[in-house]
PDB file of N, CA and C in Angstrom:
ATOM      1  N   MET A   1     -41.555 -34.990 -30.018  1.00  0.00           N
ATOM      2  CA  MET A   1     -41.640 -36.270 -29.349  1.00  0.00           C
ATOM      3  C   MET A   1     -42.311 -36.050 -27.997  1.00  0.00           C
ATOM      4  N   ILE A   2     -43.159 -36.958 -27.625  1.00  0.00           N
ATOM      5  CA  ILE A   2     -43.856 -36.910 -26.337  1.00  0.00           C
ATOM      6  C   ILE A   2     -43.212 -37.920 -25.386  1.00  0.00           C
ATOM      7  N   VAL A   3     -42.901 -37.459 -24.179  1.00  0.00           N
ATOM      8  CA  VAL A   3     -42.395 -38.326 -23.118  1.00  0.00           C
ATOM      9  C   VAL A   3     -43.498 -38.391 -22.065  1.00  0.00           C
ATOM     10  N   ASP A   4     -44.130 -39.540 -21.935  1.00  0.00           N
ATOM     11  CA  ASP A   4     -45.247 -39.693 -21.002  1.00  0.00           C
ATOM     12  C   ASP A   4     -44.722 -40.133 -19.640  1.00  0.00           C
ATOM     13  N   ALA A   5     -44.655 -39.177 -18.715  1.00  0.00           N
ATOM     14  CA  ALA A   5     -44.180 -39.461 -17.360  1.00  0.00           C
ATOM     15  C   ALA A   5     -45.308 -39.269 -16.346  1.00  0.00           C
ATOM     16  N   ARG A   6     -46.551 -39.322 -16.818  1.00  0.00           N
ATOM     17  CA  ARG A   6     -47.687 -39.175 -15.906  1.00  0.00           C
ATOM     18  C   ARG A   6     -47.687 -40.325 -14.909  1.00  0.00           C
ATOM     19  N   GLY A   7     -47.907 -39.972 -13.645  1.00  0.00           N
ATOM     20  CA  GLY A   7     -47.931 -40.969 -12.583  1.00  0.00           C
ATOM     21  C   GLY A   7     -46.562 -41.253 -11.988  1.00  0.00           C
ATOM     22  N   LEU A   8     -45.497 -40.738 -12.597  1.00  0.00           N
ATOM     23  CA  LEU A   8     -44.143 -40.940 -12.075  1.00  0.00           C
ATOM     24  C   LEU A   8     -43.786 -39.788 -11.146  1.00  0.00           C
ATOM     25  N   ARG A   9     -43.075 -40.107 -10.071  1.00  0.00           N
ATOM     26  CA  ARG A   9     -42.656 -39.103  -9.099  1.00  0.00           C
ATOM     27  C   ARG A   9     -41.203 -38.726  -9.333  1.00  0.00           C
ATOM     28  N   CYS A  10     -40.843 -37.564  -8.822  1.00  0.00           N
ATOM     29  CA  CYS A  10     -39.488 -37.034  -8.898  1.00  0.00           C
ATOM     30  C   CYS A  10     -38.492 -38.097  -8.418  1.00  0.00           C
ATOM     31  N   PRO A  11     -37.426 -38.314  -9.149  1.00  0.00           N
ATOM     32  CA  PRO A  11     -36.889 -37.580 -10.299  1.00  0.00           C
ATOM     33  C   PRO A  11     -37.215 -38.229 -11.644  1.00  0.00           C
ATOM     34  N   LEU A  12     -38.136 -39.186 -11.668  1.00  0.00           N
ATOM     35  CA  LEU A  12     -38.357 -39.971 -12.886  1.00  0.00           C
ATOM     36  C   LEU A  12     -38.803 -39.164 -14.106  1.00  0.00           C
ATOM     37  N   PRO A  13     -39.639 -38.118 -13.992  1.00  0.00           N
ATOM     38  CA  PRO A  13     -39.949 -37.354 -15.204  1.00  0.00           C
ATOM     39  C   PRO A  13     -38.703 -36.758 -15.873  1.00  0.00           C
ATOM     40  N   VAL A  14     -37.779 -36.256 -15.073  1.00  0.00           N
ATOM     41  CA  VAL A  14     -36.544 -35.693 -15.633  1.00  0.00           C
ATOM     42  C   VAL A  14     -35.673 -36.795 -16.227  1.00  0.00           C
ATOM     43  N   ILE A  15     -35.592 -37.923 -15.567  1.00  0.00           N
ATOM     44  CA  ILE A  15     -34.783 -39.036 -16.088  1.00  0.00           C
ATOM     45  C   ILE A  15     -35.328 -39.505 -17.428  1.00  0.00           C
ATOM     46  N   GLU A  16     -36.641 -39.650 -17.537  1.00  0.00           N
ATOM     47  CA  GLU A  16     -37.242 -40.081 -18.809  1.00  0.00           C
ATOM     48  C   GLU A  16     -37.012 -39.041 -19.905  1.00  0.00           C
ATOM     49  N   LEU A  17     -37.118 -37.769 -19.561  1.00  0.00           N
ATOM     50  CA  LEU A  17     -36.869 -36.706 -20.533  1.00  0.00           C
ATOM     51  C   LEU A  17     -35.404 -36.703 -20.963  1.00  0.00           C
ATOM     52  N   ALA A  18     -34.496 -36.897 -20.023  1.00  0.00           N
ATOM     53  CA  ALA A  18     -33.065 -36.932 -20.352  1.00  0.00           C
ATOM     54  C   ALA A  18     -32.748 -38.080 -21.301  1.00  0.00           C
ATOM     55  N   ARG A  19     -33.372 -39.222 -21.096  1.00  0.00           N
ATOM     56  CA  ARG A  19     -33.163 -40.360 -22.008  1.00  0.00           C
ATOM     57  C   ARG A  19     -33.623 -40.011 -23.419  1.00  0.00           C
ATOM     58  N   ALA A  20     -34.781 -39.376 -23.519  1.00  0.00           N
ATOM     59  CA  ALA A  20     -35.299 -38.998 -24.839  1.00  0.00           C
ATOM     60  C   ALA A  20     -34.403 -37.946 -25.491  1.00  0.00           C
ATOM     61  N   ALA A  21     -33.918 -36.989 -24.705  1.00  0.00           N
ATOM     62  CA  ALA A  21     -33.069 -35.924 -25.244  1.00  0.00           C
ATOM     63  C   ALA A  21     -31.748 -36.473 -25.758  1.00  0.00           C
ATOM     64  N   ARG A  22     -31.240 -37.486 -25.095  1.00  0.00           N
ATOM     65  CA  ARG A  22     -29.964 -38.088 -25.502  1.00  0.00           C
ATOM     66  C   ARG A  22     -30.054 -38.635 -26.924  1.00  0.00           C
ATOM     67  N   ASP A  23     -31.214 -39.158 -27.299  1.00  0.00           N
ATOM     68  CA  ASP A  23     -31.398 -39.759 -28.619  1.00  0.00           C
ATOM     69  C   ASP A  23     -31.977 -38.792 -29.645  1.00  0.00           C
ATOM     70  N   ALA A  24     -32.360 -37.593 -29.222  1.00  0.00           N
ATOM     71  CA  ALA A  24     -33.005 -36.634 -30.121  1.00  0.00           C
ATOM     72  C   ALA A  24     -31.966 -35.824 -30.891  1.00  0.00           C
ATOM     73  N   ALA A  25     -32.337 -35.427 -32.079  1.00  0.00           N
ATOM     74  CA  ALA A  25     -31.476 -34.563 -32.890  1.00  0.00           C
ATOM     75  C   ALA A  25     -31.450 -33.163 -32.277  1.00  0.00           C
ATOM     76  N   PRO A  26     -30.349 -32.434 -32.442  1.00  0.00           N
ATOM     77  CA  PRO A  26     -30.307 -31.050 -31.966  1.00  0.00           C
ATOM     78  C   PRO A  26     -31.463 -30.244 -32.566  1.00  0.00           C
ATOM     79  N   GLY A  27     -32.093 -29.428 -31.745  1.00  0.00           N
ATOM     80  CA  GLY A  27     -33.211 -28.610 -32.194  1.00  0.00           C
ATOM     81  C   GLY A  27     -34.559 -29.295 -32.123  1.00  0.00           C
ATOM     82  N   SER A  28     -34.582 -30.536 -31.658  1.00  0.00           N
ATOM     83  CA  SER A  28     -35.846 -31.274 -31.540  1.00  0.00           C
ATOM     84  C   SER A  28     -36.697 -30.705 -30.413  1.00  0.00           C
ATOM     85  N   LEU A  29     -38.008 -30.774 -30.600  1.00  0.00           N
ATOM     86  CA  LEU A  29     -38.939 -30.403 -29.536  1.00  0.00           C
ATOM     87  C   LEU A  29     -39.354 -31.659 -28.788  1.00  0.00           C
ATOM     88  N   LEU A  30     -39.190 -31.631 -27.476  1.00  0.00           N
ATOM     89  CA  LEU A  30     -39.592 -32.736 -26.614  1.00  0.00           C
ATOM     90  C   LEU A  30     -40.605 -32.195 -25.618  1.00  0.00           C
ATOM     91  N   THR A  31     -41.704 -32.902 -25.454  1.00  0.00           N
ATOM     92  CA  THR A  31     -42.719 -32.510 -24.480  1.00  0.00           C
ATOM     93  C   THR A  31     -42.877 -33.632 -23.475  1.00  0.00           C
ATOM     94  N   VAL A  32     -42.649 -33.303 -22.207  1.00  0.00           N
ATOM     95  CA  VAL A  32     -42.846 -34.280 -21.148  1.00  0.00           C
ATOM     96  C   VAL A  32     -44.211 -34.008 -20.517  1.00  0.00           C
ATOM     97  N   LEU A  33     -45.001 -35.066 -20.389  1.00  0.00           N
ATOM     98  CA  LEU A  33     -46.285 -35.000 -19.694  1.00  0.00           C
ATOM     99  C   LEU A  33     -46.055 -35.536 -18.291  1.00  0.00           C
ATOM    100  N   ALA A  34     -46.428 -34.768 -17.284  1.00  0.00           N
ATOM    101  CA  ALA A  34     -46.162 -35.171 -15.903  1.00  0.00           C
ATOM    102  C   ALA A  34     -47.311 -34.746 -15.004  1.00  0.00           C
ATOM    103  N   THR A  35     -47.533 -35.528 -13.959  1.00  0.00           N
ATOM    104  CA  THR A  35     -48.519 -35.182 -12.940  1.00  0.00           C
ATOM    105  C   THR A  35     -47.853 -34.827 -11.616  1.00  0.00           C
ATOM    106  N   ASP A  36     -46.546 -35.000 -11.523  1.00  0.00           N
ATOM    107  CA  ASP A  36     -45.806 -34.640 -10.314  1.00  0.00           C
ATOM    108  C   ASP A  36     -45.589 -33.123 -10.310  1.00  0.00           C
ATOM    109  N   PRO A  37     -46.113 -32.402  -9.299  1.00  0.00           N
ATOM    110  CA  PRO A  37     -45.954 -30.947  -9.268  1.00  0.00           C
ATOM    111  C   PRO A  37     -44.495 -30.490  -9.292  1.00  0.00           C
ATOM    112  N   ALA A  38     -43.573 -31.311  -8.805  1.00  0.00           N
ATOM    113  CA  ALA A  38     -42.157 -30.939  -8.795  1.00  0.00           C
ATOM    114  C   ALA A  38     -41.595 -30.791 -10.205  1.00  0.00           C
ATOM    115  N   ALA A  39     -42.212 -31.428 -11.180  1.00  0.00           N
ATOM    116  CA  ALA A  39     -41.731 -31.325 -12.564  1.00  0.00           C
ATOM    117  C   ALA A  39     -41.773 -29.881 -13.045  1.00  0.00           C
ATOM    118  N   ARG A  40     -42.675 -29.079 -12.502  1.00  0.00           N
ATOM    119  CA  ARG A  40     -42.793 -27.654 -12.864  1.00  0.00           C
ATOM    120  C   ARG A  40     -41.480 -26.921 -12.635  1.00  0.00           C
ATOM    121  N   TYR A  41     -40.714 -27.364 -11.653  1.00  0.00           N
ATOM    122  CA  TYR A  41     -39.436 -26.741 -11.320  1.00  0.00           C
ATOM    123  C   TYR A  41     -38.255 -27.573 -11.813  1.00  0.00           C
ATOM    124  N   ASP A  42     -38.371 -28.890 -11.704  1.00  0.00           N
ATOM    125  CA  ASP A  42     -37.251 -29.772 -12.030  1.00  0.00           C
ATOM    126  C   ASP A  42     -36.899 -29.774 -13.506  1.00  0.00           C
ATOM    127  N   VAL A  43     -37.902 -29.825 -14.378  1.00  0.00           N
ATOM    128  CA  VAL A  43     -37.625 -29.886 -15.819  1.00  0.00           C
ATOM    129  C   VAL A  43     -36.961 -28.592 -16.304  1.00  0.00           C
ATOM    130  N   PRO A  44     -37.476 -27.398 -15.962  1.00  0.00           N
ATOM    131  CA  PRO A  44     -36.772 -26.184 -16.389  1.00  0.00           C
ATOM    132  C   PRO A  44     -35.341 -26.092 -15.846  1.00  0.00           C
ATOM    133  N   ALA A  45     -35.126 -26.523 -14.604  1.00  0.00           N
ATOM    134  CA  ALA A  45     -33.772 -26.500 -14.040  1.00  0.00           C
ATOM    135  C   ALA A  45     -32.858 -27.443 -14.809  1.00  0.00           C
ATOM    136  N   TRP A  46     -33.345 -28.644 -15.104  1.00  0.00           N
ATOM    137  CA  TRP A  46     -32.565 -29.606 -15.884  1.00  0.00           C
ATOM    138  C   TRP A  46     -32.242 -29.032 -17.266  1.00  0.00           C
ATOM    139  N   ALA A  47     -33.245 -28.443 -17.927  1.00  0.00           N
ATOM    140  CA  ALA A  47     -33.040 -27.882 -19.267  1.00  0.00           C
ATOM    141  C   ALA A  47     -31.969 -26.792 -19.235  1.00  0.00           C
ATOM    142  N   ARG A  48     -32.037 -25.915 -18.256  1.00  0.00           N
ATOM    143  CA  ARG A  48     -31.056 -24.832 -18.134  1.00  0.00           C
ATOM    144  C   ARG A  48     -29.650 -25.392 -17.932  1.00  0.00           C
ATOM    145  N   LEU A  49     -29.517 -26.386 -17.063  1.00  0.00           N
ATOM    146  CA  LEU A  49     -28.202 -26.978 -16.796  1.00  0.00           C
ATOM    147  C   LEU A  49     -27.623 -27.691 -18.008  1.00  0.00           C
ATOM    148  N   ARG A  50     -28.478 -28.227 -18.857  1.00  0.00           N
ATOM    149  CA  ARG A  50     -28.035 -28.990 -20.030  1.00  0.00           C
ATOM    150  C   ARG A  50     -27.957 -28.150 -21.298  1.00  0.00           C
ATOM    151  N   GLY A  51     -28.308 -26.874 -21.200  1.00  0.00           N
ATOM    152  CA  GLY A  51     -28.223 -25.995 -22.359  1.00  0.00           C
ATOM    153  C   GLY A  51     -29.401 -26.085 -23.305  1.00  0.00           C
ATOM    154  N   HIS A  52     -30.495 -26.706 -22.868  1.00  0.00           N
ATOM    155  CA  HIS A  52     -31.697 -26.797 -23.690  1.00  0.00           C
ATOM    156  C   HIS A  52     -32.560 -25.552 -23.455  1.00  0.00           C
ATOM    157  N   GLU A  53     -33.459 -25.276 -24.387  1.00  0.00           N
ATOM    158  CA  GLU A  53     -34.345 -24.117 -24.290  1.00  0.00           C
ATOM    159  C   GLU A  53     -35.716 -24.544 -23.762  1.00  0.00           C
ATOM    160  N   LEU A  54     -36.177 -23.884 -22.723  1.00  0.00           N
ATOM    161  CA  LEU A  54     -37.535 -24.100 -22.236  1.00  0.00           C
ATOM    162  C   LEU A  54     -38.476 -23.349 -23.167  1.00  0.00           C
ATOM    163  N   VAL A  55     -39.397 -24.072 -23.795  1.00  0.00           N
ATOM    164  CA  VAL A  55     -40.306 -23.471 -24.772  1.00  0.00           C
ATOM    165  C   VAL A  55     -41.636 -23.097 -24.129  1.00  0.00           C
ATOM    166  N   ALA A  56     -42.222 -24.010 -23.361  1.00  0.00           N
ATOM    167  CA  ALA A  56     -43.542 -23.740 -22.778  1.00  0.00           C
ATOM    168  C   ALA A  56     -43.817 -24.675 -21.617  1.00  0.00           C
ATOM    169  N   ILE A  57     -44.633 -24.189 -20.700  1.00  0.00           N
ATOM    170  CA  ILE A  57     -45.164 -25.009 -19.612  1.00  0.00           C
ATOM    171  C   ILE A  57     -46.668 -24.775 -19.595  1.00  0.00           C
ATOM    172  N   THR A  58     -47.431 -25.843 -19.695  1.00  0.00           N
ATOM    173  CA  THR A  58     -48.882 -25.723 -19.602  1.00  0.00           C
ATOM    174  C   THR A  58     -49.382 -26.706 -18.555  1.00  0.00           C
ATOM    175  N   ALA A  59     -50.460 -26.323 -17.889  1.00  0.00           N
ATOM    176  CA  ALA A  59     -51.110 -27.200 -16.915  1.00  0.00           C
ATOM    177  C   ALA A  59     -52.573 -27.299 -17.302  1.00  0.00           C
ATOM    178  N   ASN A  60     -53.011 -28.524 -17.605  1.00  0.00           N
ATOM    179  CA  ASN A  60     -54.402 -28.729 -18.024  1.00  0.00           C
ATOM    180  C   ASN A  60     -54.793 -27.742 -19.120  1.00  0.00           C
ATOM    181  N   ALA A  61     -53.861 -27.530 -20.070  1.00  0.00           N
ATOM    182  CA  ALA A  61     -54.049 -26.669 -21.241  1.00  0.00           C
ATOM    183  C   ALA A  61     -54.152 -25.190 -20.893  1.00  0.00           C
ATOM    184  N   ILE A  62     -53.765 -24.810 -19.673  1.00  0.00           N
ATOM    185  CA  ILE A  62     -53.720 -23.398 -19.298  1.00  0.00           C
ATOM    186  C   ILE A  62     -52.261 -22.987 -19.266  1.00  0.00           C
ATOM    187  N   ASP A  63     -51.896 -21.961 -20.006  1.00  0.00           N
ATOM    188  CA  ASP A  63     -50.509 -21.521 -20.098  1.00  0.00           C
ATOM    189  C   ASP A  63     -50.030 -21.055 -18.728  1.00  0.00           C
ATOM    190  N   MET A  64     -48.904 -21.621 -18.272  1.00  0.00           N
ATOM    191  CA  MET A  64     -48.365 -21.287 -16.966  1.00  0.00           C
ATOM    192  C   MET A  64     -47.077 -20.478 -17.062  1.00  0.00           C
ATOM    193  N   ASP A  65     -46.654 -20.083 -18.273  1.00  0.00           N
ATOM    194  CA  ASP A  65     -45.408 -19.324 -18.414  1.00  0.00           C
ATOM    195  C   ASP A  65     -45.473 -18.063 -17.561  1.00  0.00           C
ATOM    196  N   GLY A  66     -44.476 -17.884 -16.734  1.00  0.00           N
ATOM    197  CA  GLY A  66     -44.384 -16.696 -15.920  1.00  0.00           C
ATOM    198  C   GLY A  66     -45.290 -16.683 -14.707  1.00  0.00           C
ATOM    199  N   ALA A  67     -46.151 -17.669 -14.558  1.00  0.00           N
ATOM    200  CA  ALA A  67     -47.061 -17.696 -13.413  1.00  0.00           C
ATOM    201  C   ALA A  67     -46.332 -18.211 -12.183  1.00  0.00           C
ATOM    202  N   ASP A  68     -46.756 -17.754 -11.050  1.00  0.00           N
ATOM    203  CA  ASP A  68     -46.224 -18.249  -9.787  1.00  0.00           C
ATOM    204  C   ASP A  68     -47.026 -19.485  -9.410  1.00  0.00           C
ATOM    205  N   ALA A  69     -46.386 -20.644  -9.471  1.00  0.00           N
ATOM    206  CA  ALA A  69     -47.095 -21.904  -9.219  1.00  0.00           C
ATOM    207  C   ALA A  69     -47.677 -21.957  -7.813  1.00  0.00           C
ATOM    208  N   SER A  70     -47.142 -21.169  -6.888  1.00  0.00           N
ATOM    209  CA  SER A  70     -47.699 -21.183  -5.534  1.00  0.00           C
ATOM    210  C   SER A  70     -49.104 -20.573  -5.517  1.00  0.00           C
ATOM    211  N   ASP A  71     -49.449 -19.803  -6.555  1.00  0.00           N
ATOM    212  CA  ASP A  71     -50.784 -19.219  -6.645  1.00  0.00           C
ATOM    213  C   ASP A  71     -51.782 -20.164  -7.295  1.00  0.00           C
ATOM    214  N   THR A  72     -51.315 -21.306  -7.752  1.00  0.00           N
ATOM    215  CA  THR A  72     -52.151 -22.241  -8.495  1.00  0.00           C
ATOM    216  C   THR A  72     -52.076 -23.600  -7.829  1.00  0.00           C
ATOM    217  N   ASP A  73     -53.207 -24.246  -7.651  1.00  0.00           N
ATOM    218  CA  ASP A  73     -53.218 -25.594  -7.096  1.00  0.00           C
ATOM    219  C   ASP A  73     -52.746 -26.556  -8.173  1.00  0.00           C
ATOM    220  N   MET A  74     -51.509 -27.051  -8.048  1.00  0.00           N
ATOM    221  CA  MET A  74     -50.916 -27.898  -9.073  1.00  0.00           C
ATOM    222  C   MET A  74     -51.060 -29.375  -8.747  1.00  0.00           C
ATOM    223  N   ASP A  75     -51.526 -29.728  -7.540  1.00  0.00           N
ATOM    224  CA  ASP A  75     -51.662 -31.142  -7.194  1.00  0.00           C
ATOM    225  C   ASP A  75     -52.627 -31.827  -8.147  1.00  0.00           C
ATOM    226  N   GLY A  76     -52.153 -32.864  -8.808  1.00  0.00           N
ATOM    227  CA  GLY A  76     -52.977 -33.635  -9.719  1.00  0.00           C
ATOM    228  C   GLY A  76     -53.124 -33.021 -11.091  1.00  0.00           C
ATOM    229  N   ALA A  77     -52.588 -31.814 -11.297  1.00  0.00           N
ATOM    230  CA  ALA A  77     -52.664 -31.182 -12.613  1.00  0.00           C
ATOM    231  C   ALA A  77     -51.755 -31.936 -13.570  1.00  0.00           C
ATOM    232  N   GLU A  78     -52.197 -32.021 -14.796  1.00  0.00           N
ATOM    233  CA  GLU A  78     -51.335 -32.613 -15.815  1.00  0.00           C
ATOM    234  C   GLU A  78     -50.517 -31.498 -16.442  1.00  0.00           C
ATOM    235  N   LEU A  79     -49.213 -31.601 -16.303  1.00  0.00           N
ATOM    236  CA  LEU A  79     -48.294 -30.626 -16.875  1.00  0.00           C
ATOM    237  C   LEU A  79     -47.812 -31.108 -18.228  1.00  0.00           C
ATOM    238  N   ALA A  80     -47.636 -30.187 -19.143  1.00  0.00           N
ATOM    239  CA  ALA A  80     -46.971 -30.453 -20.415  1.00  0.00           C
ATOM    240  C   ALA A  80     -45.852 -29.428 -20.513  1.00  0.00           C
ATOM    241  N   ILE A  81     -44.611 -29.914 -20.485  1.00  0.00           N
ATOM    242  CA  ILE A  81     -43.450 -29.030 -20.494  1.00  0.00           C
ATOM    243  C   ILE A  81     -42.647 -29.345 -21.751  1.00  0.00           C
ATOM    244  N   THR A  82     -42.450 -28.323 -22.581  1.00  0.00           N
ATOM    245  CA  THR A  82     -41.767 -28.512 -23.858  1.00  0.00           C
ATOM    246  C   THR A  82     -40.403 -27.845 -23.826  1.00  0.00           C
ATOM    247  N   VAL A  83     -39.396 -28.588 -24.273  1.00  0.00           N
ATOM    248  CA  VAL A  83     -38.040 -28.065 -24.402  1.00  0.00           C
ATOM    249  C   VAL A  83     -37.538 -28.321 -25.820  1.00  0.00           C
ATOM    250  N   ARG A  84     -36.648 -27.434 -26.271  1.00  0.00           N
ATOM    251  CA  ARG A  84     -35.960 -27.626 -27.547  1.00  0.00           C
ATOM    252  C   ARG A  84     -34.535 -28.043 -27.211  1.00  0.00           C
ATOM    253  N   THR A  85     -34.102 -29.170 -27.780  1.00  0.00           N
ATOM    254  CA  THR A  85     -32.771 -29.671 -27.461  1.00  0.00           C
ATOM    255  C   THR A  85     -31.708 -28.756 -28.049  1.00  0.00           C
ATOM    256  N   ALA A  86     -30.630 -28.620 -27.312  1.00  0.00           N
ATOM    257  CA  ALA A  86     -29.509 -27.786 -27.736  1.00  0.00           C
ATOM    258  C   ALA A  86     -28.754 -28.461 -28.869  1.00  0.00           C
ATOM    259  N   GLY A  87     -28.081 -27.641 -29.658  1.00  0.00           N
ATOM    260  CA  GLY A  87     -27.161 -28.190 -30.641  1.00  0.00           C
ATOM    261  C   GLY A  87     -25.982 -28.797 -29.910  1.00  0.00           C
ATOM    262  N   ASP A  88     -25.292 -29.739 -30.528  1.00  0.00           N
ATOM    263  CA  ASP A  88     -24.177 -30.421 -29.865  1.00  0.00           C
ATOM    264  C   ASP A  88     -23.144 -29.440 -29.327  1.00  0.00           C
ATOM    265  N   ALA A  89     -22.847 -28.371 -30.071  1.00  0.00           N
ATOM    266  CA  ALA A  89     -21.840 -27.407 -29.624  1.00  0.00           C
ATOM    267  C   ALA A  89     -22.318 -26.609 -28.416  1.00  0.00           C
ATOM    268  N   GLU A  90     -23.637 -26.533 -28.211  1.00  0.00           N
ATOM    269  CA  GLU A  90     -24.196 -25.762 -27.101  1.00  0.00           C
ATOM    270  C   GLU A  90     -24.304 -26.569 -25.815  1.00  0.00           C
ATOM    271  N   ARG A  91     -24.251 -27.883 -25.917  1.00  0.00           N
ATOM    272  CA  ARG A  91     -24.438 -28.716 -24.734  1.00  0.00           C
ATOM    273  C   ARG A  91     -23.198 -28.677 -23.853  1.00  0.00           C
ATOM    274  N   PRO A  92     -23.388 -28.509 -22.546  1.00  0.00           N
ATOM    275  CA  PRO A  92     -22.240 -28.553 -21.641  1.00  0.00           C
ATOM    276  C   PRO A  92     -21.490 -29.871 -21.803  1.00  0.00           C
ATOM    277  N   GLY A  93     -20.188 -29.778 -21.915  1.00  0.00           N
ATOM    278  CA  GLY A  93     -19.372 -30.981 -22.057  1.00  0.00           C
ATOM    279  C   GLY A  93     -19.223 -31.443 -23.490  1.00  0.00           C
ATOM    280  N   ALA A  94     -19.842 -30.733 -24.441  1.00  0.00           N
ATOM    281  CA  ALA A  94     -19.738 -31.140 -25.845  1.00  0.00           C
ATOM    282  C   ALA A  94     -18.291 -31.045 -26.292  1.00  0.00           C
ATOM    283  N   GLY A  95     -17.887 -31.991 -27.068  1.00  0.00           N
ATOM    284  CA  GLY A  95     -16.530 -32.001 -27.595  1.00  0.00           C
ATOM    285  C   GLY A  95     -15.518 -32.671 -26.691  1.00  0.00           C
ATOM    286  N   ARG A  96     -15.926 -33.010 -25.483  1.00  0.00           N
ATOM    287  CA  ARG A  96     -15.009 -33.735 -24.587  1.00  0.00           C
ATOM    288  C   ARG A  96     -15.062 -35.213 -24.913  1.00  0.00           C
ATOM    289  N   PRO A  97     -13.940 -35.884 -24.791  1.00  0.00           N
ATOM    290  CA  PRO A  97     -13.941 -37.339 -25.062  1.00  0.00           C
ATOM    291  C   PRO A  97     -14.737 -38.106 -24.034  1.00  0.00           C
TER     292      PRO A  97
END
């Protein structure tokens, strides 16, 4: 599933991704498209906190995995960040009423 958050500023890309993840089946791949440079950090942090797996981060189709974003001019770059949703048992708070 693609979540188009281009043109949205922090925290809206994460909010839109969280809405999509809430409705997605466990193990689904979600890709958020964002132009806000903060998404490079915010989406992986959100995924880690929610128990989702960060699959890939690309900027303008250039793989950014492991790269130091401070070495790359990210202003205006289109980011594509893909996460795999956690299974219900893996999500923090799962099983609580």
